[in-house]
């Protein structure tokens, strides 16, 4: 079933032959048009970090039991302050199983030039205090392109995966091996952070880790470090403190090192992920993600972050 990596970073190399500085010489208007024309590679740059919505925290978690809870979150996406997308994310945590699903679509100014939508889903079991993913799927489509990934995972090892369409052949692509599919997490499960203990869940330890992620196309690390605390006020739901993590992107395999999007993300030092608590559990989840781009900062931020604890076997500090 293995078909290798697909065009997730699959941009046309011609898309970046001319840099942002060259575009600015032709004026702001021409630069905005070029941004729209190069939407697909830029979208991949944002997705890589969002997976960087992306991807977030996969480490061994020490606690024994989970409380039951559900998170219903709505997000908006802006680029340089302009609305370009919106999405939803639901997380269901039971006594023995969990599931999480997300969907999004182009919005605002971007919808004038191109339509697009995406869906992702992951599910698995809760064993020994860990979220153990078993399946993951992702589907992204625009006017002219589509991108689908399916994975079957056992104990942190990707046993089967498919990615369509396949990558165009490139001798510079770092090959994916079987070893790259071991000891990894899918992007959605990695985005849920378990804080051991009985105290506060919004703590620096939530950021002090490296995530090993395989998304069906690429193997990469997300290196997180505590940056600061901040506070948020949702239009609906959570109001309170969040922990802010600095994020560094480190590709391992499945990528073309000379691609502009890859090099750009590797050079960024200002990517951030804000993590907020899910009520009734010891899990914190992404509330806000910010990624610098050549035309301004891309931001995914929750407008609604409603979490509801449910009766379960274990009690946890409610946020």
C-alpha atoms as a PDB file:
ATOM      1  CA  UNK A   1       0.000   0.000   0.000  1.00  0.00           C
ATOM      2  CA  UNK A   2       3.010   2.283   0.450  1.00  0.00           C
ATOM      3  CA  UNK A   3       3.100   4.820  -2.341  1.00  0.00           C
ATOM      4  CA  UNK A   4       5.636   7.138  -0.805  1.00  0.00           C
ATOM      5  CA  UNK A   5       5.241  10.832  -0.318  1.00  0.00           C
ATOM      6  CA  UNK A   6       2.953  12.921  -2.404  1.00  0.00           C
ATOM      7  CA  UNK A   7       2.943  16.549  -3.448  1.00  0.00           C
ATOM      8  CA  UNK A   8       2.404  17.962   0.015  1.00  0.00           C
ATOM      9  CA  UNK A   9       5.259  20.244  -0.416  1.00  0.00           C
ATOM     10  CA  UNK A  10       4.539  19.623  -4.036  1.00  0.00           C
ATOM     11  CA  UNK A  11       4.909  23.049  -5.437  1.00  0.00           C
ATOM     12  CA  UNK A  12       6.052  23.960  -8.880  1.00  0.00           C
ATOM     13  CA  UNK A  13       9.747  24.932  -8.528  1.00  0.00           C
ATOM     14  CA  UNK A  14       9.096  27.855 -10.871  1.00  0.00           C
ATOM     15  CA  UNK A  15       6.810  29.394  -8.259  1.00  0.00           C
ATOM     16  CA  UNK A  16       9.776  30.720  -6.302  1.00  0.00           C
ATOM     17  CA  UNK A  17      12.286  31.645  -8.943  1.00  0.00           C
ATOM     18  CA  UNK A  18      11.479  35.256  -8.231  1.00  0.00           C
ATOM     19  CA  UNK A  19      11.821  36.326  -4.609  1.00  0.00           C
ATOM     20  CA  UNK A  20       9.606  38.699  -2.629  1.00  0.00           C
ATOM     21  CA  UNK A  21      12.110  41.530  -3.026  1.00  0.00           C
ATOM     22  CA  UNK A  22      11.920  41.256  -6.818  1.00  0.00           C
ATOM     23  CA  UNK A  23       8.147  41.360  -6.667  1.00  0.00           C
ATOM     24  CA  UNK A  24       8.118  44.479  -4.535  1.00  0.00           C
ATOM     25  CA  UNK A  25      10.101  46.305  -7.210  1.00  0.00           C
ATOM     26  CA  UNK A  26       7.008  45.980  -9.418  1.00  0.00           C
ATOM     27  CA  UNK A  27       4.756  47.508  -6.780  1.00  0.00           C
ATOM     28  CA  UNK A  28       2.440  46.310  -4.045  1.00  0.00           C
ATOM     29  CA  UNK A  29      -0.385  45.482  -6.433  1.00  0.00           C
ATOM     30  CA  UNK A  30       1.745  43.181  -8.566  1.00  0.00           C
ATOM     31  CA  UNK A  31       3.104  41.558  -5.438  1.00  0.00           C
ATOM     32  CA  UNK A  32      -0.405  40.805  -4.123  1.00  0.00           C
ATOM     33  CA  UNK A  33      -1.322  39.200  -7.457  1.00  0.00           C
ATOM     34  CA  UNK A  34       1.848  37.093  -7.350  1.00  0.00           C
ATOM     35  CA  UNK A  35       0.909  35.965  -3.847  1.00  0.00           C
ATOM     36  CA  UNK A  36      -2.439  34.670  -5.101  1.00  0.00           C
ATOM     37  CA  UNK A  37      -0.828  32.976  -8.107  1.00  0.00           C
ATOM     38  CA  UNK A  38       1.635  31.186  -5.817  1.00  0.00           C
ATOM     39  CA  UNK A  39      -1.068  30.231  -3.316  1.00  0.00           C
ATOM     40  CA  UNK A  40      -0.431  26.472  -3.435  1.00  0.00           C
ATOM     41  CA  UNK A  41       3.252  26.559  -2.360  1.00  0.00           C
ATOM     42  CA  UNK A  42       2.507  29.229   0.222  1.00  0.00           C
ATOM     43  CA  UNK A  43      -0.396  27.132   1.502  1.00  0.00           C
ATOM     44  CA  UNK A  44       2.021  24.222   1.927  1.00  0.00           C
ATOM     45  CA  UNK A  45       4.424  26.416   3.890  1.00  0.00           C
ATOM     46  CA  UNK A  46       1.616  27.376   6.248  1.00  0.00           C
ATOM     47  CA  UNK A  47       0.355  23.785   6.524  1.00  0.00           C
ATOM     48  CA  UNK A  48       3.809  22.434   7.280  1.00  0.00           C
ATOM     49  CA  UNK A  49       4.025  24.608  10.286  1.00  0.00           C
ATOM     50  CA  UNK A  50       0.390  24.208  11.186  1.00  0.00           C
ATOM     51  CA  UNK A  51       1.191  21.068  10.996  1.00  0.00           C
ATOM     52  CA  UNK A  52       2.646  23.596  12.399  1.00  0.00           C
ATOM     53  CA  UNK A  53      -1.678  23.274  12.492  1.00  0.00           C
ATOM     54  CA  UNK A  54       0.270  20.996  12.804  1.00  0.00           C
ATOM     55  CA  UNK A  55       1.640  19.702  14.375  1.00  0.00           C
ATOM     56  CA  UNK A  56       2.472  19.933  18.077  1.00  0.00           C
ATOM     57  CA  UNK A  57       3.442  17.588  20.874  1.00  0.00           C
ATOM     58  CA  UNK A  58       4.022  13.840  20.809  1.00  0.00           C
ATOM     59  CA  UNK A  59       5.907  12.526  23.829  1.00  0.00           C
ATOM     60  CA  UNK A  60       5.280   9.772  26.334  1.00  0.00           C
ATOM     61  CA  UNK A  61       2.766  10.931  28.892  1.00  0.00           C
ATOM     62  CA  UNK A  62       3.044   9.691  32.463  1.00  0.00           C
ATOM     63  CA  UNK A  63      -0.489   9.858  33.870  1.00  0.00           C
ATOM     64  CA  UNK A  64      -2.537   6.710  34.244  1.00  0.00           C
ATOM     65  CA  UNK A  65      -6.098   7.791  33.414  1.00  0.00           C
ATOM     66  CA  UNK A  66      -8.044  10.372  31.432  1.00  0.00           C
ATOM     67  CA  UNK A  67     -11.256  12.127  32.280  1.00  0.00           C
ATOM     68  CA  UNK A  68     -13.859  12.273  29.561  1.00  0.00           C
ATOM     69  CA  UNK A  69     -14.289  15.580  27.746  1.00  0.00           C
ATOM     70  CA  UNK A  70     -15.198  17.218  24.461  1.00  0.00           C
ATOM     71  CA  UNK A  71     -13.694  20.293  22.806  1.00  0.00           C
ATOM     72  CA  UNK A  72     -15.596  22.308  20.193  1.00  0.00           C
ATOM     73  CA  UNK A  73     -13.343  24.992  18.694  1.00  0.00           C
ATOM     74  CA  UNK A  74     -13.734  27.423  15.788  1.00  0.00           C
ATOM     75  CA  UNK A  75     -10.734  29.110  14.184  1.00  0.00           C
ATOM     76  CA  UNK A  76     -10.102  31.991  11.809  1.00  0.00           C
ATOM     77  CA  UNK A  77      -7.032  32.292   9.580  1.00  0.00           C
ATOM     78  CA  UNK A  78      -5.516  35.626   8.558  1.00  0.00           C
ATOM     79  CA  UNK A  79      -2.518  36.599   6.456  1.00  0.00           C
ATOM     80  CA  UNK A  80      -1.039  40.058   7.013  1.00  0.00           C
ATOM     81  CA  UNK A  81      -4.264  40.884   8.857  1.00  0.00           C
ATOM     82  CA  UNK A  82      -6.532  39.844   5.960  1.00  0.00           C
ATOM     83  CA  UNK A  83      -9.021  36.966   6.464  1.00  0.00           C
ATOM     84  CA  UNK A  84      -8.208  34.004   4.207  1.00  0.00           C
ATOM     85  CA  UNK A  85      -9.798  30.992   5.920  1.00  0.00           C
ATOM     86  CA  UNK A  86     -11.863  29.530   8.717  1.00  0.00           C
ATOM     87  CA  UNK A  87     -12.231  26.117  10.294  1.00  0.00           C
ATOM     88  CA  UNK A  88     -13.522  23.938  13.118  1.00  0.00           C
ATOM     89  CA  UNK A  89     -11.901  21.348  15.352  1.00  0.00           C
ATOM     90  CA  UNK A  90     -13.627  18.821  17.598  1.00  0.00           C
ATOM     91  CA  UNK A  91     -11.943  16.480  20.070  1.00  0.00           C
ATOM     92  CA  UNK A  92     -13.745  13.672  21.892  1.00  0.00           C
ATOM     93  CA  UNK A  93     -11.927  11.970  24.760  1.00  0.00           C
ATOM     94  CA  UNK A  94     -13.539   8.882  26.262  1.00  0.00           C
ATOM     95  CA  UNK A  95     -12.423   6.418  28.896  1.00  0.00           C
ATOM     96  CA  UNK A  96     -10.682   4.099  26.449  1.00  0.00           C
ATOM     97  CA  UNK A  97     -10.792   5.827  23.067  1.00  0.00           C
ATOM     98  CA  UNK A  98     -10.380   9.245  21.483  1.00  0.00           C
ATOM     99  CA  UNK A  99     -11.165  10.865  18.156  1.00  0.00           C
ATOM    100  CA  UNK A 100     -10.407  14.249  16.655  1.00  0.00           C
ATOM    101  CA  UNK A 101     -11.550  15.878  13.429  1.00  0.00           C
ATOM    102  CA  UNK A 102     -10.913  19.226  11.762  1.00  0.00           C
ATOM    103  CA  UNK A 103     -12.249  20.970   8.664  1.00  0.00           C
ATOM    104  CA  UNK A 104     -11.534  24.288   7.013  1.00  0.00           C
ATOM    105  CA  UNK A 105     -12.177  26.367   3.906  1.00  0.00           C
ATOM    106  CA  UNK A 106     -10.884  29.430   2.116  1.00  0.00           C
ATOM    107  CA  UNK A 107     -12.605  32.661   3.090  1.00  0.00           C
ATOM    108  CA  UNK A 108     -12.436  36.404   2.676  1.00  0.00           C
ATOM    109  CA  UNK A 109     -10.160  37.876   0.018  1.00  0.00           C
ATOM    110  CA  UNK A 110      -8.662  34.507  -0.899  1.00  0.00           C
ATOM    111  CA  UNK A 111     -12.064  33.126  -1.869  1.00  0.00           C
ATOM    112  CA  UNK A 112     -12.283  35.699  -4.656  1.00  0.00           C
ATOM    113  CA  UNK A 113      -9.295  34.136  -6.392  1.00  0.00           C
ATOM    114  CA  UNK A 114      -9.447  30.473  -5.398  1.00  0.00           C
ATOM    115  CA  UNK A 115     -11.691  28.094  -3.503  1.00  0.00           C
ATOM    116  CA  UNK A 116     -10.370  25.362  -1.273  1.00  0.00           C
ATOM    117  CA  UNK A 117     -11.324  23.133   1.605  1.00  0.00           C
ATOM    118  CA  UNK A 118      -9.768  20.446   3.756  1.00  0.00           C
ATOM    119  CA  UNK A 119     -10.655  17.726   6.270  1.00  0.00           C
ATOM    120  CA  UNK A 120      -8.510  15.743   8.691  1.00  0.00           C
ATOM    121  CA  UNK A 121      -9.415  12.940  11.077  1.00  0.00           C
ATOM    122  CA  UNK A 122      -7.580  10.788  13.620  1.00  0.00           C
ATOM    123  CA  UNK A 123      -8.700   8.175  16.116  1.00  0.00           C
ATOM    124  CA  UNK A 124      -7.131   5.722  18.507  1.00  0.00           C
ATOM    125  CA  UNK A 125      -7.088   4.179  21.953  1.00  0.00           C
ATOM    126  CA  UNK A 126      -6.110   5.447  25.392  1.00  0.00           C
ATOM    127  CA  UNK A 127      -3.619   3.018  26.906  1.00  0.00           C
ATOM    128  CA  UNK A 128      -1.391   3.477  29.924  1.00  0.00           C
ATOM    129  CA  UNK A 129      -2.114   7.182  30.029  1.00  0.00           C
ATOM    130  CA  UNK A 130      -1.162   7.707  26.374  1.00  0.00           C
ATOM    131  CA  UNK A 131      -3.156   8.665  23.290  1.00  0.00           C
ATOM    132  CA  UNK A 132      -2.253   5.877  20.861  1.00  0.00           C
ATOM    133  CA  UNK A 133      -3.250   6.748  17.306  1.00  0.00           C
ATOM    134  CA  UNK A 134      -4.501   3.965  15.037  1.00  0.00           C
ATOM    135  CA  UNK A 135      -5.746   5.777  11.901  1.00  0.00           C
ATOM    136  CA  UNK A 136      -5.214   9.170  10.301  1.00  0.00           C
ATOM    137  CA  UNK A 137      -6.563  10.704   7.112  1.00  0.00           C
ATOM    138  CA  UNK A 138      -6.335  14.103   5.452  1.00  0.00           C
ATOM    139  CA  UNK A 139      -7.933  15.512   2.318  1.00  0.00           C
ATOM    140  CA  UNK A 140      -7.232  18.980   0.862  1.00  0.00           C
ATOM    141  CA  UNK A 141      -8.654  20.271  -2.417  1.00  0.00           C
ATOM    142  CA  UNK A 142      -8.447  23.545  -4.332  1.00  0.00           C
ATOM    143  CA  UNK A 143      -9.712  24.606  -7.751  1.00  0.00           C
ATOM    144  CA  UNK A 144      -6.918  22.777  -9.554  1.00  0.00           C
ATOM    145  CA  UNK A 145      -5.270  20.404  -7.063  1.00  0.00           C
ATOM    146  CA  UNK A 146      -6.114  17.775  -4.507  1.00  0.00           C
ATOM    147  CA  UNK A 147      -4.084  16.108  -1.792  1.00  0.00           C
ATOM    148  CA  UNK A 148      -5.067  12.949   0.119  1.00  0.00           C
ATOM    149  CA  UNK A 149      -3.264  10.974   2.824  1.00  0.00           C
ATOM    150  CA  UNK A 150      -4.322   7.837   4.709  1.00  0.00           C
ATOM    151  CA  UNK A 151      -2.276   6.091   7.411  1.00  0.00           C
ATOM    152  CA  UNK A 152      -2.614   3.031   9.635  1.00  0.00           C
ATOM    153  CA  UNK A 153      -0.487   3.249  12.786  1.00  0.00           C
ATOM    154  CA  UNK A 154       0.407   0.646  15.413  1.00  0.00           C
ATOM    155  CA  UNK A 155       2.308   1.538  18.610  1.00  0.00           C
ATOM    156  CA  UNK A 156       3.930   4.589  17.035  1.00  0.00           C
ATOM    157  CA  UNK A 157       4.903   2.829  13.793  1.00  0.00           C
ATOM    158  CA  UNK A 158       3.200   3.636  10.490  1.00  0.00           C
ATOM    159  CA  UNK A 159       2.331   0.222   9.071  1.00  0.00           C
ATOM    160  CA  UNK A 160       0.495   1.380   5.949  1.00  0.00           C
ATOM    161  CA  UNK A 161       0.131   4.702   4.181  1.00  0.00           C
ATOM    162  CA  UNK A 162      -0.958   6.131   0.871  1.00  0.00           C
ATOM    163  CA  UNK A 163      -0.520   9.621  -0.531  1.00  0.00           C
ATOM    164  CA  UNK A 164      -2.129  10.950  -3.718  1.00  0.00           C
ATOM    165  CA  UNK A 165      -1.091  12.368  -6.066  1.00  0.00           C
ATOM    166  CA  UNK A 166       2.476  11.036  -5.914  1.00  0.00           C
ATOM    167  CA  UNK A 167       5.408  13.400  -5.920  1.00  0.00           C
ATOM    168  CA  UNK A 168       6.968  14.308  -9.199  1.00  0.00           C
ATOM    169  CA  UNK A 169      10.361  12.580  -9.471  1.00  0.00           C
ATOM    170  CA  UNK A 170      13.193  14.659  -8.067  1.00  0.00           C
ATOM    171  CA  UNK A 171      16.720  13.376  -7.565  1.00  0.00           C
ATOM    172  CA  UNK A 172      17.236  15.891  -4.760  1.00  0.00           C
ATOM    173  CA  UNK A 173      14.400  14.558  -2.607  1.00  0.00           C
ATOM    174  CA  UNK A 174      15.597  13.007   0.659  1.00  0.00           C
ATOM    175  CA  UNK A 175      14.282   9.416   0.487  1.00  0.00           C
ATOM    176  CA  UNK A 176      11.883   8.098   3.099  1.00  0.00           C
ATOM    177  CA  UNK A 177      12.879   4.796   4.675  1.00  0.00           C
ATOM    178  CA  UNK A 178      11.052   2.373   6.931  1.00  0.00           C
ATOM    179  CA  UNK A 179      13.030   3.734   9.877  1.00  0.00           C
ATOM    180  CA  UNK A 180      11.499   7.178   9.319  1.00  0.00           C
ATOM    181  CA  UNK A 181       8.050   5.719  10.051  1.00  0.00           C
ATOM    182  CA  UNK A 182       8.983   4.423  13.504  1.00  0.00           C
ATOM    183  CA  UNK A 183       8.579   6.308  16.766  1.00  0.00           C
ATOM    184  CA  UNK A 184       6.396   8.991  15.189  1.00  0.00           C
ATOM    185  CA  UNK A 185       2.981  10.565  15.625  1.00  0.00           C
ATOM    186  CA  UNK A 186       0.431  11.762  13.121  1.00  0.00           C
ATOM    187  CA  UNK A 187      -0.012  15.565  13.050  1.00  0.00           C
ATOM    188  CA  UNK A 188      -3.388  15.656  14.800  1.00  0.00           C
ATOM    189  CA  UNK A 189      -2.571  13.334  17.685  1.00  0.00           C
ATOM    190  CA  UNK A 190       0.730  15.164  18.126  1.00  0.00           C
ATOM    191  CA  UNK A 191      -1.194  18.382  18.664  1.00  0.00           C
ATOM    192  CA  UNK A 192      -2.659  17.185  21.974  1.00  0.00           C
ATOM    193  CA  UNK A 193      -0.333  17.698  24.926  1.00  0.00           C
ATOM    194  CA  UNK A 194      -0.647  15.630  28.093  1.00  0.00           C
ATOM    195  CA  UNK A 195       0.637  17.281  31.296  1.00  0.00           C
ATOM    196  CA  UNK A 196       1.405  14.752  34.053  1.00  0.00           C
ATOM    197  CA  UNK A 197       0.728  15.390  37.716  1.00  0.00           C
ATOM    198  CA  UNK A 198      -2.098  17.028  39.629  1.00  0.00           C
ATOM    199  CA  UNK A 199      -1.287  20.740  39.450  1.00  0.00           C
ATOM    200  CA  UNK A 200      -1.822  23.417  36.829  1.00  0.00           C
ATOM    201  CA  UNK A 201      -1.759  22.269  33.203  1.00  0.00           C
ATOM    202  CA  UNK A 202      -0.641  25.619  31.754  1.00  0.00           C
ATOM    203  CA  UNK A 203       3.040  25.196  32.599  1.00  0.00           C
ATOM    204  CA  UNK A 204       6.406  25.635  30.810  1.00  0.00           C
ATOM    205  CA  UNK A 205       6.843  21.846  30.640  1.00  0.00           C
ATOM    206  CA  UNK A 206       4.144  21.766  27.954  1.00  0.00           C
ATOM    207  CA  UNK A 207       6.616  23.360  25.556  1.00  0.00           C
ATOM    208  CA  UNK A 208       9.831  21.598  26.535  1.00  0.00           C
ATOM    209  CA  UNK A 209       9.904  18.785  23.987  1.00  0.00           C
ATOM    210  CA  UNK A 210      10.636  17.779  20.397  1.00  0.00           C
ATOM    211  CA  UNK A 211       7.867  16.269  18.287  1.00  0.00           C
ATOM    212  CA  UNK A 212       8.608  13.479  15.817  1.00  0.00           C
ATOM    213  CA  UNK A 213       5.952  13.760  13.113  1.00  0.00           C
ATOM    214  CA  UNK A 214       5.155  11.777   9.968  1.00  0.00           C
ATOM    215  CA  UNK A 215       2.325  13.231   7.882  1.00  0.00           C
ATOM    216  CA  UNK A 216       2.218  10.615   5.120  1.00  0.00           C
ATOM    217  CA  UNK A 217       4.599  12.603   2.951  1.00  0.00           C
ATOM    218  CA  UNK A 218       7.349  13.950   5.130  1.00  0.00           C
ATOM    219  CA  UNK A 219       9.153  13.046   8.322  1.00  0.00           C
ATOM    220  CA  UNK A 220      10.041  16.147  10.347  1.00  0.00           C
ATOM    221  CA  UNK A 221      10.685  17.362  13.861  1.00  0.00           C
ATOM    222  CA  UNK A 222       9.011  20.286  15.575  1.00  0.00           C
ATOM    223  CA  UNK A 223      11.332  21.593  18.258  1.00  0.00           C
ATOM    224  CA  UNK A 224       9.438  23.466  20.961  1.00  0.00           C
ATOM    225  CA  UNK A 225      10.692  25.635  23.784  1.00  0.00           C
ATOM    226  CA  UNK A 226       8.956  27.671  26.468  1.00  0.00           C
ATOM    227  CA  UNK A 227       8.714  31.335  25.510  1.00  0.00           C
ATOM    228  CA  UNK A 228       6.240  33.028  27.858  1.00  0.00           C
ATOM    229  CA  UNK A 229       2.749  33.000  29.341  1.00  0.00           C
ATOM    230  CA  UNK A 230      -0.069  35.041  27.830  1.00  0.00           C
ATOM    231  CA  UNK A 231      -3.824  35.414  28.294  1.00  0.00           C
ATOM    232  CA  UNK A 232      -6.728  35.028  25.855  1.00  0.00           C
ATOM    233  CA  UNK A 233     -10.412  35.924  25.735  1.00  0.00           C
ATOM    234  CA  UNK A 234     -12.527  33.860  23.332  1.00  0.00           C
ATOM    235  CA  UNK A 235     -15.767  35.128  21.869  1.00  0.00           C
ATOM    236  CA  UNK A 236     -17.208  31.913  23.306  1.00  0.00           C
ATOM    237  CA  UNK A 237     -15.577  29.556  25.742  1.00  0.00           C
ATOM    238  CA  UNK A 238     -12.161  29.738  27.332  1.00  0.00           C
ATOM    239  CA  UNK A 239     -10.820  32.873  28.954  1.00  0.00           C
ATOM    240  CA  UNK A 240      -7.565  32.682  30.832  1.00  0.00           C
ATOM    241  CA  UNK A 241      -3.878  31.919  30.682  1.00  0.00           C
ATOM    242  CA  UNK A 242      -2.091  30.053  27.885  1.00  0.00           C
ATOM    243  CA  UNK A 243       1.470  28.843  27.527  1.00  0.00           C
ATOM    244  CA  UNK A 244       3.331  30.141  24.456  1.00  0.00           C
ATOM    245  CA  UNK A 245       5.854  27.858  22.753  1.00  0.00           C
ATOM    246  CA  UNK A 246       8.530  28.871  20.283  1.00  0.00           C
ATOM    247  CA  UNK A 247       8.544  26.419  17.338  1.00  0.00           C
ATOM    248  CA  UNK A 248      11.415  25.420  15.045  1.00  0.00           C
ATOM    249  CA  UNK A 249      10.884  23.263  11.956  1.00  0.00           C
ATOM    250  CA  UNK A 250      13.488  20.578  11.136  1.00  0.00           C
ATOM    251  CA  UNK A 251      12.824  18.392   8.060  1.00  0.00           C
ATOM    252  CA  UNK A 252      14.212  14.854   8.214  1.00  0.00           C
ATOM    253  CA  UNK A 253      13.114  13.023   5.043  1.00  0.00           C
ATOM    254  CA  UNK A 254      10.644  13.141   2.150  1.00  0.00           C
ATOM    255  CA  UNK A 255      11.450  16.762   1.265  1.00  0.00           C
ATOM    256  CA  UNK A 256      13.478  18.567  -1.391  1.00  0.00           C
ATOM    257  CA  UNK A 257      16.060  20.616   0.554  1.00  0.00           C
ATOM    258  CA  UNK A 258      16.337  23.338  -2.096  1.00  0.00           C
ATOM    259  CA  UNK A 259      12.618  24.145  -2.162  1.00  0.00           C
ATOM    260  CA  UNK A 260      11.937  27.711  -1.101  1.00  0.00           C
ATOM    261  CA  UNK A 261       9.144  26.787   1.331  1.00  0.00           C
ATOM    262  CA  UNK A 262      11.368  24.283   3.153  1.00  0.00           C
ATOM    263  CA  UNK A 263      14.325  26.632   3.458  1.00  0.00           C
ATOM    264  CA  UNK A 264      12.089  29.498   4.521  1.00  0.00           C
ATOM    265  CA  UNK A 265      10.491  27.538   7.348  1.00  0.00           C
ATOM    266  CA  UNK A 266      13.852  26.262   8.580  1.00  0.00           C
ATOM    267  CA  UNK A 267      15.116  29.824   8.879  1.00  0.00           C
ATOM    268  CA  UNK A 268      12.201  31.110  10.950  1.00  0.00           C
ATOM    269  CA  UNK A 269      12.771  31.944  14.629  1.00  0.00           C
ATOM    270  CA  UNK A 270       9.436  33.644  15.343  1.00  0.00           C
ATOM    271  CA  UNK A 271       6.916  30.842  14.890  1.00  0.00           C
ATOM    272  CA  UNK A 272       4.684  30.411  17.942  1.00  0.00           C
ATOM    273  CA  UNK A 273       2.075  28.016  19.252  1.00  0.00           C
ATOM    274  CA  UNK A 274      -0.287  28.997  22.096  1.00  0.00           C
ATOM    275  CA  UNK A 275      -1.722  26.121  24.131  1.00  0.00           C
ATOM    276  CA  UNK A 276      -4.918  26.278  26.214  1.00  0.00           C
ATOM    277  CA  UNK A 277      -6.426  23.665  28.588  1.00  0.00           C
ATOM    278  CA  UNK A 278      -9.302  21.315  27.784  1.00  0.00           C
ATOM    279  CA  UNK A 279     -11.622  21.417  30.794  1.00  0.00           C
ATOM    280  CA  UNK A 280     -11.791  18.325  32.934  1.00  0.00           C
ATOM    281  CA  UNK A 281      -8.590  16.808  31.531  1.00  0.00           C
ATOM    282  CA  UNK A 282      -4.840  17.267  31.761  1.00  0.00           C
ATOM    283  CA  UNK A 283      -4.581  18.007  28.050  1.00  0.00           C
ATOM    284  CA  UNK A 284      -3.681  21.339  26.473  1.00  0.00           C
ATOM    285  CA  UNK A 285      -4.404  22.013  22.800  1.00  0.00           C
ATOM    286  CA  UNK A 286      -3.523  24.669  20.197  1.00  0.00           C
ATOM    287  CA  UNK A 287      -5.390  27.945  20.643  1.00  0.00           C
ATOM    288  CA  UNK A 288      -3.252  30.079  18.337  1.00  0.00           C
ATOM    289  CA  UNK A 289      -0.486  29.441  15.778  1.00  0.00           C
ATOM    290  CA  UNK A 290       1.510  32.210  14.104  1.00  0.00           C
ATOM    291  CA  UNK A 291       3.909  31.745  11.187  1.00  0.00           C
ATOM    292  CA  UNK A 292       5.890  34.516   9.470  1.00  0.00           C
ATOM    293  CA  UNK A 293       5.562  34.546   5.657  1.00  0.00           C
ATOM    294  CA  UNK A 294       7.203  36.745   3.000  1.00  0.00           C
ATOM    295  CA  UNK A 295       4.027  38.881   2.863  1.00  0.00           C
ATOM    296  CA  UNK A 296       3.130  39.135   6.527  1.00  0.00           C
ATOM    297  CA  UNK A 297       2.334  36.907   9.459  1.00  0.00           C
ATOM    298  CA  UNK A 298      -0.086  34.008   8.999  1.00  0.00           C
ATOM    299  CA  UNK A 299      -2.220  33.445  12.104  1.00  0.00           C
ATOM    300  CA  UNK A 300      -4.663  30.680  13.022  1.00  0.00           C
ATOM    301  CA  UNK A 301      -6.567  31.658  16.178  1.00  0.00           C
ATOM    302  CA  UNK A 302      -9.603  30.337  18.033  1.00  0.00           C
ATOM    303  CA  UNK A 303     -12.700  32.500  18.202  1.00  0.00           C
ATOM    304  CA  UNK A 304     -14.560  29.740  20.061  1.00  0.00           C
ATOM    305  CA  UNK A 305     -12.880  27.286  22.439  1.00  0.00           C
ATOM    306  CA  UNK A 306     -15.596  25.466  24.370  1.00  0.00           C
ATOM    307  CA  UNK A 307     -14.585  22.385  26.344  1.00  0.00           C
ATOM    308  CA  UNK A 308     -17.040  20.395  28.425  1.00  0.00           C
ATOM    309  CA  UNK A 309     -15.931  17.791  30.986  1.00  0.00           C
ATOM    310  CA  UNK A 310     -17.958  14.587  31.088  1.00  0.00           C
ATOM    311  CA  UNK A 311     -18.265  11.938  33.814  1.00  0.00           C
ATOM    312  CA  UNK A 312     -15.340   9.526  33.623  1.00  0.00           C
ATOM    313  CA  UNK A 313     -13.284   7.115  35.607  1.00  0.00           C
ATOM    314  CA  UNK A 314     -10.722   9.704  36.638  1.00  0.00           C
ATOM    315  CA  UNK A 315     -11.132  13.192  37.976  1.00  0.00           C
ATOM    316  CA  UNK A 316      -8.860  15.980  36.819  1.00  0.00           C
ATOM    317  CA  UNK A 317      -8.421  19.599  37.668  1.00  0.00           C
ATOM    318  CA  UNK A 318     -11.095  21.562  35.796  1.00  0.00           C
ATOM    319  CA  UNK A 319     -10.008  24.697  33.963  1.00  0.00           C
END
